[in-house]
Amino acid sequence: MDGFKDHLKRELEIFVANIFVKILESENATFDHKTRVLEVFHIICTEPSALVELFINYDCDLDAIDLFRRIVDGIAKITKVIFFFNIFILIYNFVLLTSSSYVIVFYFILTTES
């Protein structure tokens, strides 16, 4: 994002918000599409100043959308889904390996700690 041009600012905002962020926020987008968007953001994040420039050029600008925040929120949402999917797999495997009485105790422990 070196040499970030003012005349491209609005176009980049529309492109990222209406394509990449929409895919991250969409409940109808496939996991593969979301993974591809995460790969794009990973490439953007390899440049040290990219996230700072996104924040300064969009989130700090009252006339622009909070692009950095929306990207972070989208990534956090995907991460949460992956985390709960992994927990589901662990519980499913636990059910397969143990009797149902242990599952009830395990479920009770999980629900009372939160």
Protein backbone atom coordinates (compact mmCIF):
# COMPACT_ATOMS: atom_id res chain seq x y z
CA MET A 1 0.00 0.00 0.00
CA ASP A 2 3.04 2.20 -0.42
CA GLY A 3 2.18 5.27 -2.43
CA PHE A 4 -1.48 5.09 -1.42
CA LYS A 5 -3.23 7.60 -3.69
CA ASP A 6 -6.02 9.87 -2.55
CA HIS A 7 -7.88 9.49 -5.83
CA LEU A 8 -8.07 5.71 -5.33
CA LYS A 9 -9.23 5.94 -1.73
CA ARG A 10 -12.97 5.89 -2.45
CA GLU A 11 -12.63 3.15 -5.07
CA LEU A 12 -10.65 0.94 -2.70
CA GLU A 13 -13.19 1.55 0.04
CA ILE A 14 -16.08 0.47 -2.19
CA PHE A 15 -14.18 -2.53 -3.55
CA VAL A 16 -13.06 -3.88 -0.17
CA ALA A 17 -16.32 -3.12 1.65
CA ASN A 18 -18.68 -4.40 -1.05
CA ILE A 19 -16.76 -7.51 -2.01
CA PHE A 20 -14.34 -8.76 0.62
CA VAL A 21 -16.09 -7.56 3.76
CA LYS A 22 -19.52 -8.57 2.44
CA ILE A 23 -18.22 -12.12 1.92
CA LEU A 24 -16.86 -12.24 5.47
CA GLU A 25 -20.10 -10.90 6.91
CA SER A 26 -22.41 -13.04 4.79
CA GLU A 27 -24.01 -16.12 6.29
CA ASN A 28 -24.57 -17.43 2.74
CA ALA A 29 -20.95 -17.26 1.56
CA THR A 30 -19.16 -20.58 1.44
CA PHE A 31 -16.31 -21.39 3.76
CA ASP A 32 -14.03 -21.60 0.70
CA HIS A 33 -14.92 -18.02 -0.33
CA LYS A 34 -14.29 -16.78 3.19
CA THR A 35 -10.96 -18.59 3.23
CA ARG A 36 -9.96 -16.86 -0.01
CA VAL A 37 -10.83 -13.46 1.48
CA LEU A 38 -8.75 -14.29 4.55
CA GLU A 39 -5.85 -15.14 2.24
CA VAL A 40 -6.16 -11.70 0.61
CA PHE A 41 -6.16 -9.99 4.00
CA HIS A 42 -3.17 -12.10 5.03
CA ILE A 43 -1.25 -10.81 1.99
CA ILE A 44 -2.26 -7.23 2.83
CA CYS A 45 -1.09 -7.72 6.42
CA THR A 46 2.39 -8.82 5.32
CA GLU A 47 3.20 -5.19 4.61
CA PRO A 48 3.96 -3.59 7.98
CA SER A 49 2.23 -0.27 7.35
CA ALA A 50 -0.88 -1.62 5.60
CA LEU A 51 -3.13 -1.96 8.65
CA VAL A 52 -2.05 1.40 10.02
CA GLU A 53 -2.82 3.04 6.67
CA LEU A 54 -6.23 1.35 6.51
CA PHE A 55 -7.05 2.60 9.99
CA ILE A 56 -5.80 6.14 9.40
CA ASN A 57 -7.30 6.52 5.91
CA TYR A 58 -10.72 5.06 6.70
CA ASP A 59 -11.56 4.67 10.40
CA CYS A 60 -10.12 8.07 11.33
CA ASP A 61 -11.84 9.77 8.38
CA LEU A 62 -15.35 10.90 9.31
CA ASP A 63 -16.45 10.74 5.66
CA ALA A 64 -15.32 7.11 5.17
CA ILE A 65 -16.61 3.86 6.56
CA ASP A 66 -14.81 2.09 9.41
CA LEU A 67 -13.09 -0.30 7.03
CA PHE A 68 -10.43 -1.55 9.44
CA ARG A 69 -13.03 -2.25 12.14
CA ARG A 70 -15.26 -4.12 9.69
CA ILE A 71 -12.33 -6.24 8.53
CA VAL A 72 -11.35 -7.08 12.10
CA ASP A 73 -14.97 -7.85 13.04
CA GLY A 74 -15.30 -10.14 10.00
CA ILE A 75 -12.09 -11.99 10.84
CA ALA A 76 -13.18 -12.32 14.48
CA LYS A 77 -16.52 -13.77 13.40
CA ILE A 78 -14.82 -16.37 11.19
CA THR A 79 -12.40 -17.25 13.98
CA LYS A 80 -15.28 -17.72 16.40
CA VAL A 81 -17.04 -20.06 13.96
CA ILE A 82 -13.86 -22.10 13.49
CA PHE A 83 -13.33 -22.26 17.26
CA PHE A 84 -16.87 -23.50 17.94
CA PHE A 85 -16.64 -25.97 15.06
CA ASN A 86 -13.49 -27.43 16.63
CA ILE A 87 -15.25 -27.62 20.02
CA PHE A 88 -18.15 -29.42 18.33
CA ILE A 89 -15.74 -31.94 16.79
CA LEU A 90 -14.12 -32.54 20.19
CA ILE A 91 -17.50 -33.11 21.83
CA TYR A 92 -18.62 -35.35 18.97
CA ASN A 93 -15.47 -37.46 19.33
CA PHE A 94 -15.98 -37.54 23.08
CA VAL A 95 -19.51 -38.87 22.54
CA LEU A 96 -18.20 -41.58 20.27
CA LEU A 97 -15.56 -42.66 22.78
CA THR A 98 -17.53 -42.54 26.03
CA SER A 99 -20.89 -43.45 27.41
CA SER A 100 -23.76 -40.98 27.41
CA SER A 101 -23.59 -40.40 31.19
CA TYR A 102 -20.11 -38.89 30.83
CA VAL A 103 -21.37 -36.66 28.03
CA ILE A 104 -24.08 -35.23 30.25
CA VAL A 105 -21.51 -34.42 32.95
CA PHE A 106 -19.16 -32.87 30.38
CA TYR A 107 -21.97 -30.75 28.90
CA PHE A 108 -22.97 -29.59 32.39
CA ILE A 109 -19.39 -28.53 33.14
CA LEU A 110 -19.11 -26.59 29.86
CA THR A 111 -22.41 -24.74 30.31
CA THR A 112 -21.88 -23.78 33.96
CA GLU A 113 -18.41 -22.28 33.49
CA SER A 114 -19.52 -19.58 31.03
